[in-house]
C-alpha atoms as a PDB file:
ATOM      1  CA  MET A   1     -34.891  73.957 182.061  1.00  0.00           C
ATOM      2  CA  GLU A   2     -36.410  77.431 181.992  1.00  0.00           C
ATOM      3  CA  THR A   3     -38.968  78.636 179.445  1.00  0.00           C
ATOM      4  CA  ILE A   4     -39.068  82.314 178.475  1.00  0.00           C
ATOM      5  CA  LYS A   5     -41.989  83.615 176.401  1.00  0.00           C
ATOM      6  CA  MET A   6     -41.780  86.992 174.724  1.00  0.00           C
ATOM      7  CA  LYS A   7     -44.082  89.064 172.536  1.00  0.00           C
ATOM      8  CA  THR A   8     -42.217  90.166 169.397  1.00  0.00           C
ATOM      9  CA  ASN A   9     -42.661  91.919 166.070  1.00  0.00           C
ATOM     10  CA  ILE A  10     -41.124  88.964 164.175  1.00  0.00           C
ATOM     11  CA  LYS A  11     -43.849  88.490 161.563  1.00  0.00           C
ATOM     12  CA  CYS A  12     -42.708  86.063 158.864  1.00  0.00           C
ATOM     13  CA  GLY A  13     -40.191  83.481 157.753  1.00  0.00           C
ATOM     14  CA  GLY A  14     -37.871  86.199 156.477  1.00  0.00           C
ATOM     15  CA  CYS A  15     -37.930  87.861 159.891  1.00  0.00           C
ATOM     16  CA  VAL A  16     -37.189  84.525 161.553  1.00  0.00           C
ATOM     17  CA  ALA A  17     -34.238  84.067 159.185  1.00  0.00           C
ATOM     18  CA  SER A  18     -32.942  87.498 160.209  1.00  0.00           C
ATOM     19  CA  VAL A  19     -32.983  86.742 163.936  1.00  0.00           C
ATOM     20  CA  THR A  20     -31.732  83.156 163.615  1.00  0.00           C
ATOM     21  CA  PRO A  21     -27.971  83.848 163.823  1.00  0.00           C
ATOM     22  CA  PHE A  22     -28.433  86.185 166.804  1.00  0.00           C
ATOM     23  CA  LEU A  23     -30.640  83.803 168.770  1.00  0.00           C
ATOM     24  CA  ASN A  24     -28.563  80.739 167.883  1.00  0.00           C
ATOM     25  CA  GLN A  25     -25.484  82.517 169.230  1.00  0.00           C
ATOM     26  CA  SER A  26     -27.238  83.680 172.422  1.00  0.00           C
ATOM     27  CA  VAL A  27     -29.391  80.693 173.371  1.00  0.00           C
ATOM     28  CA  GLY A  28     -28.269  77.873 171.095  1.00  0.00           C
ATOM     29  CA  GLU A  29     -29.642  76.331 167.955  1.00  0.00           C
ATOM     30  CA  GLY A  30     -32.859  74.402 168.524  1.00  0.00           C
ATOM     31  CA  ASN A  31     -33.614  76.110 171.846  1.00  0.00           C
ATOM     32  CA  TRP A  32     -36.052  78.683 170.492  1.00  0.00           C
ATOM     33  CA  GLN A  33     -38.988  79.116 168.127  1.00  0.00           C
ATOM     34  CA  VAL A  34     -41.309  81.900 167.004  1.00  0.00           C
ATOM     35  CA  ASP A  35     -45.042  81.312 166.572  1.00  0.00           C
ATOM     36  CA  THR A  36     -45.752  83.718 163.698  1.00  0.00           C
ATOM     37  CA  GLN A  37     -49.381  82.527 163.600  1.00  0.00           C
ATOM     38  CA  ASN A  38     -50.014  83.859 167.120  1.00  0.00           C
ATOM     39  CA  PRO A  39     -51.208  87.499 167.120  1.00  0.00           C
ATOM     40  CA  ASP A  40     -48.465  88.311 169.681  1.00  0.00           C
ATOM     41  CA  LYS A  41     -45.762  86.605 167.518  1.00  0.00           C
ATOM     42  CA  VAL A  42     -44.584  84.679 170.592  1.00  0.00           C
ATOM     43  CA  LEU A  43     -40.916  83.762 170.872  1.00  0.00           C
ATOM     44  CA  THR A  44     -40.419  80.752 173.150  1.00  0.00           C
ATOM     45  CA  VAL A  45     -36.926  80.022 174.464  1.00  0.00           C
ATOM     46  CA  LYS A  46     -36.122  76.827 176.369  1.00  0.00           C
ATOM     47  CA  THR A  47     -32.732  76.986 177.983  1.00  0.00           C
ATOM     48  CA  VAL A  48     -30.726  76.956 181.178  1.00  0.00           C
ATOM     49  CA  GLY A  49     -28.852  79.992 182.456  1.00  0.00           C
ATOM     50  CA  VAL A  50     -30.047  82.514 179.857  1.00  0.00           C
ATOM     51  CA  THR A  51     -31.958  85.561 181.047  1.00  0.00           C
ATOM     52  CA  ALA A  52     -34.875  87.268 179.347  1.00  0.00           C
ATOM     53  CA  ASP A  53     -32.653  90.335 179.016  1.00  0.00           C
ATOM     54  CA  THR A  54     -30.098  88.331 177.012  1.00  0.00           C
ATOM     55  CA  VAL A  55     -32.841  87.109 174.673  1.00  0.00           C
ATOM     56  CA  ARG A  56     -34.270  90.620 174.300  1.00  0.00           C
ATOM     57  CA  LYS A  57     -30.845  92.017 173.410  1.00  0.00           C
ATOM     58  CA  ALA A  58     -30.277  89.306 170.786  1.00  0.00           C
ATOM     59  CA  VAL A  59     -33.632  90.123 169.167  1.00  0.00           C
ATOM     60  CA  GLN A  60     -32.816  93.853 169.249  1.00  0.00           C
ATOM     61  CA  GLN A  61     -29.440  93.243 167.579  1.00  0.00           C
ATOM     62  CA  ALA A  62     -31.377  91.727 164.684  1.00  0.00           C
ATOM     63  CA  GLY A  63     -33.547  94.852 164.481  1.00  0.00           C
ATOM     64  CA  TYR A  64     -36.692  93.567 166.171  1.00  0.00           C
ATOM     65  CA  LYS A  65     -38.478  94.130 169.475  1.00  0.00           C
ATOM     66  CA  ALA A  66     -39.264  91.664 172.252  1.00  0.00           C
ATOM     67  CA  GLU A  67     -40.913  92.022 175.631  1.00  0.00           C
ATOM     68  CA  VAL A  68     -41.577  89.387 178.264  1.00  0.00           C
ATOM     69  CA  LEU A  69     -45.147  88.131 178.394  1.00  0.00           C
ATOM     70  CA  SER A  70     -46.584  88.311 181.901  1.00  0.00           C
END
């Protein structure tokens, strides 16, 4: 299982609700979470066979930004 961590601008529960359908479709329900308490608003995705680019595109479709943490 691969873990992808991304810095986002997903700031609150309402933002999480907005991205939920996009991320559930792309990576699967229960395979991701956003730490809105972290200053970088870190999105963590645990999955197999999904690229960081796929995750980034799903977040962008919801109207938010995401970039891979190095």
